[in-house]
mmCIF file of all heavy atoms, coordinates in Angstrom:
data_MODEL
# 
_entry.id   MODEL 
# 
loop_
_atom_site.group_PDB 
_atom_site.id 
_atom_site.type_symbol 
_atom_site.label_atom_id 
_atom_site.label_alt_id 
_atom_site.label_comp_id 
_atom_site.label_asym_id 
_atom_site.label_entity_id 
_atom_site.label_seq_id 
_atom_site.pdbx_PDB_ins_code 
_atom_site.Cartn_x 
_atom_site.Cartn_y 
_atom_site.Cartn_z 
_atom_site.occupancy 
_atom_site.B_iso_or_equiv 
_atom_site.pdbx_formal_charge 
_atom_site.auth_seq_id 
_atom_site.auth_comp_id 
_atom_site.auth_asym_id 
_atom_site.auth_atom_id 
_atom_site.pdbx_PDB_model_num 
ATOM 1   N N   . PHE A 1 1  ? 99.058  157.585 56.014 1.00 0.00 ? 1  PHE A N   1 
ATOM 2   C CA  . PHE A 1 1  ? 100.221 156.651 55.989 1.00 0.00 ? 1  PHE A CA  1 
ATOM 3   C C   . PHE A 1 1  ? 101.448 157.392 56.443 1.00 0.00 ? 1  PHE A C   1 
ATOM 4   O O   . PHE A 1 1  ? 102.223 156.885 57.235 1.00 0.00 ? 1  PHE A O   1 
ATOM 5   C CB  . PHE A 1 1  ? 100.439 156.092 54.637 1.00 0.00 ? 1  PHE A CB  1 
ATOM 6   C CG  . PHE A 1 1  ? 101.202 154.799 54.555 1.00 0.00 ? 1  PHE A CG  1 
ATOM 7   C CD1 . PHE A 1 1  ? 100.700 153.671 55.062 1.00 0.00 ? 1  PHE A CD1 1 
ATOM 8   C CD2 . PHE A 1 1  ? 102.496 154.907 54.058 1.00 0.00 ? 1  PHE A CD2 1 
ATOM 9   C CE1 . PHE A 1 1  ? 101.435 152.495 55.035 1.00 0.00 ? 1  PHE A CE1 1 
ATOM 10  C CE2 . PHE A 1 1  ? 103.173 153.642 54.038 1.00 0.00 ? 1  PHE A CE2 1 
ATOM 11  C CZ  . PHE A 1 1  ? 102.683 152.485 54.466 1.00 0.00 ? 1  PHE A CZ  1 
ATOM 12  N N   . PHE A 1 2  ? 101.648 158.665 56.054 1.00 0.00 ? 2  PHE A N   1 
ATOM 13  C CA  . PHE A 1 2  ? 102.779 159.454 56.409 1.00 0.00 ? 2  PHE A CA  1 
ATOM 14  C C   . PHE A 1 2  ? 102.768 159.731 57.953 1.00 0.00 ? 2  PHE A C   1 
ATOM 15  O O   . PHE A 1 2  ? 103.737 159.682 58.694 1.00 0.00 ? 2  PHE A O   1 
ATOM 16  C CB  . PHE A 1 2  ? 102.732 160.800 55.616 1.00 0.00 ? 2  PHE A CB  1 
ATOM 17  C CG  . PHE A 1 2  ? 103.889 161.694 56.004 1.00 0.00 ? 2  PHE A CG  1 
ATOM 18  C CD1 . PHE A 1 2  ? 105.230 161.327 55.649 1.00 0.00 ? 2  PHE A CD1 1 
ATOM 19  C CD2 . PHE A 1 2  ? 103.644 162.923 56.589 1.00 0.00 ? 2  PHE A CD2 1 
ATOM 20  C CE1 . PHE A 1 2  ? 106.255 162.172 55.965 1.00 0.00 ? 2  PHE A CE1 1 
ATOM 21  C CE2 . PHE A 1 2  ? 104.726 163.733 56.989 1.00 0.00 ? 2  PHE A CE2 1 
ATOM 22  C CZ  . PHE A 1 2  ? 105.965 163.439 56.628 1.00 0.00 ? 2  PHE A CZ  1 
ATOM 23  N N   . TRP A 1 3  ? 101.460 160.043 58.495 1.00 0.00 ? 3  TRP A N   1 
ATOM 24  C CA  . TRP A 1 3  ? 101.263 160.204 59.860 1.00 0.00 ? 3  TRP A CA  1 
ATOM 25  C C   . TRP A 1 3  ? 101.691 159.014 60.715 1.00 0.00 ? 3  TRP A C   1 
ATOM 26  O O   . TRP A 1 3  ? 102.319 159.072 61.803 1.00 0.00 ? 3  TRP A O   1 
ATOM 27  C CB  . TRP A 1 3  ? 99.896  160.735 60.216 1.00 0.00 ? 3  TRP A CB  1 
ATOM 28  C CG  . TRP A 1 3  ? 99.694  161.055 61.574 1.00 0.00 ? 3  TRP A CG  1 
ATOM 29  C CD1 . TRP A 1 3  ? 99.003  160.382 62.538 1.00 0.00 ? 3  TRP A CD1 1 
ATOM 30  C CD2 . TRP A 1 3  ? 100.265 162.170 62.352 1.00 0.00 ? 3  TRP A CD2 1 
ATOM 31  N NE1 . TRP A 1 3  ? 98.989  161.032 63.718 1.00 0.00 ? 3  TRP A NE1 1 
ATOM 32  C CE2 . TRP A 1 3  ? 99.831  162.118 63.616 1.00 0.00 ? 3  TRP A CE2 1 
ATOM 33  C CE3 . TRP A 1 3  ? 101.076 163.185 62.016 1.00 0.00 ? 3  TRP A CE3 1 
ATOM 34  C CZ2 . TRP A 1 3  ? 100.144 163.011 64.550 1.00 0.00 ? 3  TRP A CZ2 1 
ATOM 35  C CZ3 . TRP A 1 3  ? 101.471 164.139 62.901 1.00 0.00 ? 3  TRP A CZ3 1 
ATOM 36  C CH2 . TRP A 1 3  ? 101.017 164.012 64.173 1.00 0.00 ? 3  TRP A CH2 1 
ATOM 37  N N   . LEU A 1 4  ? 101.260 157.789 60.172 1.00 0.00 ? 4  LEU A N   1 
ATOM 38  C CA  . LEU A 1 4  ? 101.667 156.578 60.834 1.00 0.00 ? 4  LEU A CA  1 
ATOM 39  C C   . LEU A 1 4  ? 103.122 156.385 60.944 1.00 0.00 ? 4  LEU A C   1 
ATOM 40  O O   . LEU A 1 4  ? 103.745 156.003 61.924 1.00 0.00 ? 4  LEU A O   1 
ATOM 41  C CB  . LEU A 1 4  ? 100.955 155.360 60.102 1.00 0.00 ? 4  LEU A CB  1 
ATOM 42  C CG  . LEU A 1 4  ? 101.355 154.039 60.611 1.00 0.00 ? 4  LEU A CG  1 
ATOM 43  C CD1 . LEU A 1 4  ? 100.838 153.880 61.955 1.00 0.00 ? 4  LEU A CD1 1 
ATOM 44  C CD2 . LEU A 1 4  ? 100.863 152.917 59.647 1.00 0.00 ? 4  LEU A CD2 1 
ATOM 45  N N   . VAL A 1 5  ? 103.841 156.675 59.768 1.00 0.00 ? 5  VAL A N   1 
ATOM 46  C CA  . VAL A 1 5  ? 105.313 156.619 59.791 1.00 0.00 ? 5  VAL A CA  1 
ATOM 47  C C   . VAL A 1 5  ? 105.905 157.560 60.805 1.00 0.00 ? 5  VAL A C   1 
ATOM 48  O O   . VAL A 1 5  ? 106.903 157.176 61.544 1.00 0.00 ? 5  VAL A O   1 
ATOM 49  C CB  . VAL A 1 5  ? 105.859 156.993 58.322 1.00 0.00 ? 5  VAL A CB  1 
ATOM 50  C CG1 . VAL A 1 5  ? 107.387 157.152 58.380 1.00 0.00 ? 5  VAL A CG1 1 
ATOM 51  C CG2 . VAL A 1 5  ? 105.440 155.898 57.396 1.00 0.00 ? 5  VAL A CG2 1 
ATOM 52  N N   . ILE A 1 6  ? 105.359 158.754 60.949 1.00 0.00 ? 6  ILE A N   1 
ATOM 53  C CA  . ILE A 1 6  ? 105.901 159.694 61.988 1.00 0.00 ? 6  ILE A CA  1 
ATOM 54  C C   . ILE A 1 6  ? 105.702 159.153 63.367 1.00 0.00 ? 6  ILE A C   1 
ATOM 55  O O   . ILE A 1 6  ? 106.712 159.134 64.167 1.00 0.00 ? 6  ILE A O   1 
ATOM 56  C CB  . ILE A 1 6  ? 105.160 161.146 61.825 1.00 0.00 ? 6  ILE A CB  1 
ATOM 57  C CG1 . ILE A 1 6  ? 105.629 161.821 60.586 1.00 0.00 ? 6  ILE A CG1 1 
ATOM 58  C CG2 . ILE A 1 6  ? 105.412 161.910 63.095 1.00 0.00 ? 6  ILE A CG2 1 
ATOM 59  C CD1 . ILE A 1 6  ? 104.880 163.123 60.273 1.00 0.00 ? 6  ILE A CD1 1 
ATOM 60  N N   . MET A 1 7  ? 104.527 158.575 63.655 1.00 0.00 ? 7  MET A N   1 
ATOM 61  C CA  . MET A 1 7  ? 104.263 158.002 64.954 1.00 0.00 ? 7  MET A CA  1 
ATOM 62  C C   . MET A 1 7  ? 105.160 156.861 65.239 1.00 0.00 ? 7  MET A C   1 
ATOM 63  O O   . MET A 1 7  ? 105.747 156.657 66.388 1.00 0.00 ? 7  MET A O   1 
ATOM 64  C CB  . MET A 1 7  ? 102.819 157.563 65.087 1.00 0.00 ? 7  MET A CB  1 
ATOM 65  C CG  . MET A 1 7  ? 101.856 158.787 65.125 1.00 0.00 ? 7  MET A CG  1 
ATOM 66  S SD  . MET A 1 7  ? 100.148 158.368 65.582 1.00 0.00 ? 7  MET A SD  1 
ATOM 67  C CE  . MET A 1 7  ? 99.896  156.843 64.833 1.00 0.00 ? 7  MET A CE  1 
ATOM 68  N N   . ILE A 1 8  ? 105.409 155.918 64.179 1.00 0.00 ? 8  ILE A N   1 
ATOM 69  C CA  . ILE A 1 8  ? 106.406 154.957 64.411 1.00 0.00 ? 8  ILE A CA  1 
ATOM 70  C C   . ILE A 1 8  ? 107.838 155.331 64.672 1.00 0.00 ? 8  ILE A C   1 
ATOM 71  O O   . ILE A 1 8  ? 108.519 154.841 65.570 1.00 0.00 ? 8  ILE A O   1 
ATOM 72  C CB  . ILE A 1 8  ? 106.299 153.993 63.206 1.00 0.00 ? 8  ILE A CB  1 
ATOM 73  C CG1 . ILE A 1 8  ? 104.973 153.171 63.184 1.00 0.00 ? 8  ILE A CG1 1 
ATOM 74  C CG2 . ILE A 1 8  ? 107.493 152.965 63.256 1.00 0.00 ? 8  ILE A CG2 1 
ATOM 75  C CD1 . ILE A 1 8  ? 104.717 152.390 61.920 1.00 0.00 ? 8  ILE A CD1 1 
ATOM 76  N N   . ILE A 1 9  ? 108.182 156.424 64.006 1.00 0.00 ? 9  ILE A N   1 
ATOM 77  C CA  . ILE A 1 9  ? 109.545 156.906 64.165 1.00 0.00 ? 9  ILE A CA  1 
ATOM 78  C C   . ILE A 1 9  ? 109.761 157.454 65.628 1.00 0.00 ? 9  ILE A C   1 
ATOM 79  O O   . ILE A 1 9  ? 110.758 157.247 66.216 1.00 0.00 ? 9  ILE A O   1 
ATOM 80  C CB  . ILE A 1 9  ? 109.985 158.059 63.106 1.00 0.00 ? 9  ILE A CB  1 
ATOM 81  C CG1 . ILE A 1 9  ? 110.117 157.353 61.764 1.00 0.00 ? 9  ILE A CG1 1 
ATOM 82  C CG2 . ILE A 1 9  ? 111.087 158.854 63.479 1.00 0.00 ? 9  ILE A CG2 1 
ATOM 83  C CD1 . ILE A 1 9  ? 110.202 158.352 60.608 1.00 0.00 ? 9  ILE A CD1 1 
ATOM 84  N N   . PHE A 1 10 ? 108.774 158.271 66.036 1.00 0.00 ? 10 PHE A N   1 
ATOM 85  C CA  . PHE A 1 10 ? 108.905 158.805 67.384 1.00 0.00 ? 10 PHE A CA  1 
ATOM 86  C C   . PHE A 1 10 ? 108.786 157.679 68.522 1.00 0.00 ? 10 PHE A C   1 
ATOM 87  O O   . PHE A 1 10 ? 109.474 157.771 69.456 1.00 0.00 ? 10 PHE A O   1 
ATOM 88  C CB  . PHE A 1 10 ? 107.726 159.849 67.724 1.00 0.00 ? 10 PHE A CB  1 
ATOM 89  C CG  . PHE A 1 10 ? 108.036 161.165 67.060 1.00 0.00 ? 10 PHE A CG  1 
ATOM 90  C CD1 . PHE A 1 10 ? 107.073 161.872 66.358 1.00 0.00 ? 10 PHE A CD1 1 
ATOM 91  C CD2 . PHE A 1 10 ? 109.258 161.783 67.245 1.00 0.00 ? 10 PHE A CD2 1 
ATOM 92  C CE1 . PHE A 1 10 ? 107.387 163.128 65.789 1.00 0.00 ? 10 PHE A CE1 1 
ATOM 93  C CE2 . PHE A 1 10 ? 109.608 163.020 66.712 1.00 0.00 ? 10 PHE A CE2 1 
ATOM 94  C CZ  . PHE A 1 10 ? 108.676 163.676 65.970 1.00 0.00 ? 10 PHE A CZ  1 
ATOM 95  N N   . ALA A 1 11 ? 107.962 156.649 68.265 1.00 0.00 ? 11 ALA A N   1 
ATOM 96  C CA  . ALA A 1 11 ? 107.895 155.556 69.175 1.00 0.00 ? 11 ALA A CA  1 
ATOM 97  C C   . ALA A 1 11 ? 109.252 154.807 69.241 1.00 0.00 ? 11 ALA A C   1 
ATOM 98  O O   . ALA A 1 11 ? 109.699 154.462 70.251 1.00 0.00 ? 11 ALA A O   1 
ATOM 99  C CB  . ALA A 1 11 ? 106.760 154.648 68.824 1.00 0.00 ? 11 ALA A CB  1 
ATOM 100 N N   . TYR A 1 12 ? 109.811 154.550 68.086 1.00 0.00 ? 12 TYR A N   1 
ATOM 101 C CA  . TYR A 1 12 ? 111.065 153.922 68.001 1.00 0.00 ? 12 TYR A CA  1 
ATOM 102 C C   . TYR A 1 12 ? 112.225 154.720 68.630 1.00 0.00 ? 12 TYR A C   1 
ATOM 103 O O   . TYR A 1 12 ? 113.096 154.251 69.324 1.00 0.00 ? 12 TYR A O   1 
ATOM 104 C CB  . TYR A 1 12 ? 111.402 153.520 66.569 1.00 0.00 ? 12 TYR A CB  1 
ATOM 105 C CG  . TYR A 1 12 ? 112.565 152.518 66.462 1.00 0.00 ? 12 TYR A CG  1 
ATOM 106 C CD1 . TYR A 1 12 ? 112.463 151.243 66.951 1.00 0.00 ? 12 TYR A CD1 1 
ATOM 107 C CD2 . TYR A 1 12 ? 113.737 152.933 65.877 1.00 0.00 ? 12 TYR A CD2 1 
ATOM 108 C CE1 . TYR A 1 12 ? 113.475 150.305 66.884 1.00 0.00 ? 12 TYR A CE1 1 
ATOM 109 C CE2 . TYR A 1 12 ? 114.791 151.918 65.840 1.00 0.00 ? 12 TYR A CE2 1 
ATOM 110 C CZ  . TYR A 1 12 ? 114.663 150.726 66.366 1.00 0.00 ? 12 TYR A CZ  1 
ATOM 111 O OH  . TYR A 1 12 ? 115.705 149.783 66.284 1.00 0.00 ? 12 TYR A OH  1 
ATOM 112 N N   . ALA A 1 13 ? 112.126 156.038 68.415 1.00 0.00 ? 13 ALA A N   1 
ATOM 113 C CA  . ALA A 1 13 ? 113.120 156.914 68.956 1.00 0.00 ? 13 ALA A CA  1 
ATOM 114 C C   . ALA A 1 13 ? 113.044 156.870 70.529 1.00 0.00 ? 13 ALA A C   1 
ATOM 115 O O   . ALA A 1 13 ? 114.048 156.776 71.211 1.00 0.00 ? 13 ALA A O   1 
ATOM 116 C CB  . ALA A 1 13 ? 112.981 158.376 68.585 1.00 0.00 ? 13 ALA A CB  1 
ATOM 117 N N   . ASP A 1 14 ? 111.854 156.747 71.147 1.00 0.00 ? 14 ASP A N   1 
ATOM 118 C CA  . ASP A 1 14 ? 111.689 156.585 72.555 1.00 0.00 ? 14 ASP A CA  1 
ATOM 119 C C   . ASP A 1 14 ? 112.204 155.269 73.006 1.00 0.00 ? 14 ASP A C   1 
ATOM 120 O O   . ASP A 1 14 ? 112.853 155.164 74.018 1.00 0.00 ? 14 ASP A O   1 
ATOM 121 C CB  . ASP A 1 14 ? 110.219 156.746 72.861 1.00 0.00 ? 14 ASP A CB  1 
ATOM 122 C CG  . ASP A 1 14 ? 110.023 156.578 74.345 1.00 0.00 ? 14 ASP A CG  1 
ATOM 123 O OD1 . ASP A 1 14 ? 110.542 157.304 75.200 1.00 0.00 ? 14 ASP A OD1 1 
ATOM 124 O OD2 . ASP A 1 14 ? 109.139 155.655 74.757 1.00 0.00 ? 14 ASP A OD2 1 
ATOM 125 N N   . TYR A 1 15 ? 111.958 154.264 72.235 1.00 0.00 ? 15 TYR A N   1 
ATOM 126 C CA  . TYR A 1 15 ? 112.435 152.860 72.493 1.00 0.00 ? 15 TYR A CA  1 
ATOM 127 C C   . TYR A 1 15 ? 113.893 152.771 72.547 1.00 0.00 ? 15 TYR A C   1 
ATOM 128 O O   . TYR A 1 15 ? 114.484 152.224 73.461 1.00 0.00 ? 15 TYR A O   1 
ATOM 129 C CB  . TYR A 1 15 ? 111.771 151.867 71.533 1.00 0.00 ? 15 TYR A CB  1 
ATOM 130 C CG  . TYR A 1 15 ? 112.286 150.491 71.705 1.00 0.00 ? 15 TYR A CG  1 
ATOM 131 C CD1 . TYR A 1 15 ? 111.796 149.707 72.744 1.00 0.00 ? 15 TYR A CD1 1 
ATOM 132 C CD2 . TYR A 1 15 ? 113.273 149.976 70.828 1.00 0.00 ? 15 TYR A CD2 1 
ATOM 133 C CE1 . TYR A 1 15 ? 112.328 148.392 72.874 1.00 0.00 ? 15 TYR A CE1 1 
ATOM 134 C CE2 . TYR A 1 15 ? 113.723 148.716 71.008 1.00 0.00 ? 15 TYR A CE2 1 
ATOM 135 C CZ  . TYR A 1 15 ? 113.250 147.951 72.036 1.00 0.00 ? 15 TYR A CZ  1 
ATOM 136 O OH  . TYR A 1 15 ? 113.761 146.666 72.146 1.00 0.00 ? 15 TYR A OH  1 
ATOM 137 N N   . ILE A 1 16 ? 114.646 153.405 71.550 1.00 0.00 ? 16 ILE A N   1 
ATOM 138 C CA  . ILE A 1 16 ? 116.042 153.183 71.550 1.00 0.00 ? 16 ILE A CA  1 
ATOM 139 C C   . ILE A 1 16 ? 116.709 154.038 72.517 1.00 0.00 ? 16 ILE A C   1 
ATOM 140 O O   . ILE A 1 16 ? 117.899 153.800 72.912 1.00 0.00 ? 16 ILE A O   1 
ATOM 141 C CB  . ILE A 1 16 ? 116.631 153.418 70.151 1.00 0.00 ? 16 ILE A CB  1 
ATOM 142 C CG1 . ILE A 1 16 ? 116.416 154.871 69.677 1.00 0.00 ? 16 ILE A CG1 1 
ATOM 143 C CG2 . ILE A 1 16 ? 116.045 152.400 69.163 1.00 0.00 ? 16 ILE A CG2 1 
ATOM 144 C CD1 . ILE A 1 16 ? 117.137 155.172 68.363 1.00 0.00 ? 16 ILE A CD1 1 
ATOM 145 N N   . THR A 1 17 ? 116.164 155.092 73.097 1.00 0.00 ? 17 THR A N   1 
ATOM 146 C CA  . THR A 1 17 ? 116.797 155.901 74.071 1.00 0.00 ? 17 THR A CA  1 
ATOM 147 C C   . THR A 1 17 ? 116.548 155.435 75.503 1.00 0.00 ? 17 THR A C   1 
ATOM 148 O O   . THR A 1 17 ? 117.132 155.940 76.456 1.00 0.00 ? 17 THR A O   1 
ATOM 149 C CB  . THR A 1 17 ? 116.279 157.359 74.028 1.00 0.00 ? 17 THR A CB  1 
ATOM 150 O OG1 . THR A 1 17 ? 114.884 157.404 74.202 1.00 0.00 ? 17 THR A OG1 1 
ATOM 151 C CG2 . THR A 1 17 ? 116.705 157.945 72.640 1.00 0.00 ? 17 THR A CG2 1 
ATOM 152 N N   . ARG A 1 18 ? 115.713 154.398 75.704 1.00 0.00 ? 18 ARG A N   1 
ATOM 153 C CA  . ARG A 1 18 ? 115.445 153.949 77.068 1.00 0.00 ? 18 ARG A CA  1 
ATOM 154 C C   . ARG A 1 18 ? 116.661 153.446 77.732 1.00 0.00 ? 18 ARG A C   1 
ATOM 155 O O   . ARG A 1 18 ? 116.790 153.620 78.976 1.00 0.00 ? 18 ARG A O   1 
ATOM 156 C CB  . ARG A 1 18 ? 114.363 152.742 77.034 1.00 0.00 ? 18 ARG A CB  1 
ATOM 157 C CG  . ARG A 1 18 ? 113.009 153.276 76.666 1.00 0.00 ? 18 ARG A CG  1 
ATOM 158 C CD  . ARG A 1 18 ? 112.338 153.962 77.658 1.00 0.00 ? 18 ARG A CD  1 
ATOM 159 N NE  . ARG A 1 18 ? 111.077 154.503 77.356 1.00 0.00 ? 18 ARG A NE  1 
ATOM 160 C CZ  . ARG A 1 18 ? 110.142 154.898 78.156 1.00 0.00 ? 18 ARG A CZ  1 
ATOM 161 N NH1 . ARG A 1 18 ? 110.292 154.743 79.451 1.00 0.00 ? 18 ARG A NH1 1 
ATOM 162 N NH2 . ARG A 1 18 ? 109.118 155.483 77.636 1.00 0.00 ? 18 ARG A NH2 1 
ATOM 163 N N   . PRO A 1 19 ? 117.608 152.643 77.129 1.00 0.00 ? 19 PRO A N   1 
ATOM 164 C CA  . PRO A 1 19 ? 118.701 152.111 77.873 1.00 0.00 ? 19 PRO A CA  1 
ATOM 165 C C   . PRO A 1 19 ? 119.659 153.283 78.358 1.00 0.00 ? 19 PRO A C   1 
ATOM 166 O O   . PRO A 1 19 ? 120.513 152.981 79.208 1.00 0.00 ? 19 PRO A O   1 
ATOM 167 C CB  . PRO A 1 19 ? 119.457 151.177 76.948 1.00 0.00 ? 19 PRO A CB  1 
ATOM 168 C CG  . PRO A 1 19 ? 118.403 150.891 75.847 1.00 0.00 ? 19 PRO A CG  1 
ATOM 169 C CD  . PRO A 1 19 ? 117.544 152.052 75.841 1.00 0.00 ? 19 PRO A CD  1 
ATOM 170 N N   . TRP A 1 20 ? 119.556 154.452 77.771 1.00 0.00 ? 20 TRP A N   1 
ATOM 171 C CA  . TRP A 1 20 ? 120.429 155.508 78.195 1.00 0.00 ? 20 TRP A CA  1 
ATOM 172 C C   . TRP A 1 20 ? 119.953 156.379 79.265 1.00 0.00 ? 20 TRP A C   1 
ATOM 173 O O   . TRP A 1 20 ? 120.444 157.426 79.608 1.00 0.00 ? 20 TRP A O   1 
ATOM 174 C CB  . TRP A 1 20 ? 120.641 156.415 76.960 1.00 0.00 ? 20 TRP A CB  1 
ATOM 175 C CG  . TRP A 1 20 ? 121.218 155.723 75.765 1.00 0.00 ? 20 TRP A CG  1 
ATOM 176 C CD1 . TRP A 1 20 ? 121.936 154.474 75.802 1.00 0.00 ? 20 TRP A CD1 1 
ATOM 177 C CD2 . TRP A 1 20 ? 121.208 156.125 74.465 1.00 0.00 ? 20 TRP A CD2 1 
ATOM 178 N NE1 . TRP A 1 20 ? 122.274 154.171 74.542 1.00 0.00 ? 20 TRP A NE1 1 
ATOM 179 C CE2 . TRP A 1 20 ? 121.868 155.115 73.667 1.00 0.00 ? 20 TRP A CE2 1 
ATOM 180 C CE3 . TRP A 1 20 ? 120.733 157.192 73.795 1.00 0.00 ? 20 TRP A CE3 1 
ATOM 181 C CZ2 . TRP A 1 20 ? 121.951 155.211 72.264 1.00 0.00 ? 20 TRP A CZ2 1 
ATOM 182 C CZ3 . TRP A 1 20 ? 120.834 157.308 72.445 1.00 0.00 ? 20 TRP A CZ3 1 
ATOM 183 C CH2 . TRP A 1 20 ? 121.421 156.357 71.665 1.00 0.00 ? 20 TRP A CH2 1 
ATOM 184 N N   . GLU A 1 21 ? 119.004 155.836 79.980 1.00 0.00 ? 21 GLU A N   1 
ATOM 185 C CA  . GLU A 1 21 ? 118.427 156.697 81.110 1.00 0.00 ? 21 GLU A CA  1 
ATOM 186 C C   . GLU A 1 21 ? 119.474 156.797 82.207 1.00 0.00 ? 21 GLU A C   1 
ATOM 187 O O   . GLU A 1 21 ? 120.164 155.853 82.619 1.00 0.00 ? 21 GLU A O   1 
ATOM 188 C CB  . GLU A 1 21 ? 117.186 155.958 81.641 1.00 0.00 ? 21 GLU A CB  1 
ATOM 189 C CG  . GLU A 1 21 ? 116.029 156.006 80.741 1.00 0.00 ? 21 GLU A CG  1 
ATOM 190 C CD  . GLU A 1 21 ? 114.755 155.142 81.342 1.00 0.00 ? 21 GLU A CD  1 
ATOM 191 O OE1 . GLU A 1 21 ? 115.040 154.457 82.310 1.00 0.00 ? 21 GLU A OE1 1 
ATOM 192 O OE2 . GLU A 1 21 ? 113.761 155.263 80.721 1.00 0.00 ? 21 GLU A OE2 1 
ATOM 193 N N   . PRO A 1 22 ? 119.625 158.083 82.741 1.00 0.00 ? 22 PRO A N   1 
ATOM 194 C CA  . PRO A 1 22 ? 120.581 158.206 83.817 1.00 0.00 ? 22 PRO A CA  1 
ATOM 195 C C   . PRO A 1 22 ? 120.229 157.482 85.105 1.00 0.00 ? 22 PRO A C   1 
ATOM 196 O O   . PRO A 1 22 ? 121.092 156.989 85.786 1.00 0.00 ? 22 PRO A O   1 
ATOM 197 C CB  . PRO A 1 22 ? 120.571 159.735 83.992 1.00 0.00 ? 22 PRO A CB  1 
ATOM 198 C CG  . PRO A 1 22 ? 119.296 160.160 83.461 1.00 0.00 ? 22 PRO A CG  1 
ATOM 199 C CD  . PRO A 1 22 ? 118.892 159.237 82.410 1.00 0.00 ? 22 PRO A CD  1 
ATOM 200 N N   . VAL A 1 23 ? 118.933 157.421 85.348 1.00 0.00 ? 23 VAL A N   1 
ATOM 201 C CA  . VAL A 1 23 ? 118.429 156.684 86.568 1.00 0.00 ? 23 VAL A CA  1 
ATOM 202 C C   . VAL A 1 23 ? 117.396 155.769 86.091 1.00 0.00 ? 23 VAL A C   1 
ATOM 203 O O   . VAL A 1 23 ? 116.498 156.168 85.385 1.00 0.00 ? 23 VAL A O   1 
ATOM 204 C CB  . VAL A 1 23 ? 117.912 157.774 87.630 1.00 0.00 ? 23 VAL A CB  1 
ATOM 205 C CG1 . VAL A 1 23 ? 117.375 157.002 88.820 1.00 0.00 ? 23 VAL A CG1 1 
ATOM 206 C CG2 . VAL A 1 23 ? 118.970 158.692 87.985 1.00 0.00 ? 23 VAL A CG2 1 
ATOM 207 N N   . PRO A 1 24 ? 117.362 154.498 86.452 1.00 0.00 ? 24 PRO A N   1 
ATOM 208 C CA  . PRO A 1 24 ? 116.280 153.610 86.077 1.00 0.00 ? 24 PRO A CA  1 
ATOM 209 C C   . PRO A 1 24 ? 114.932 154.167 86.447 1.00 0.00 ? 24 PRO A C   1 
ATOM 210 O O   . PRO A 1 24 ? 114.713 154.573 87.600 1.00 0.00 ? 24 PRO A O   1 
ATOM 211 C CB  . PRO A 1 24 ? 116.656 152.263 86.826 1.00 0.00 ? 24 PRO A CB  1 
ATOM 212 C CG  . PRO A 1 24 ? 118.037 152.326 87.127 1.00 0.00 ? 24 PRO A CG  1 
ATOM 213 C CD  . PRO A 1 24 ? 118.364 153.789 87.285 1.00 0.00 ? 24 PRO A CD  1 
# 
């Protein structure tokens, strides 16, 4: 369950940083 939480956190971190890409 802890490993699942880690994977969700990293996936969400990737998701929220997408709009900040310097180049589409």
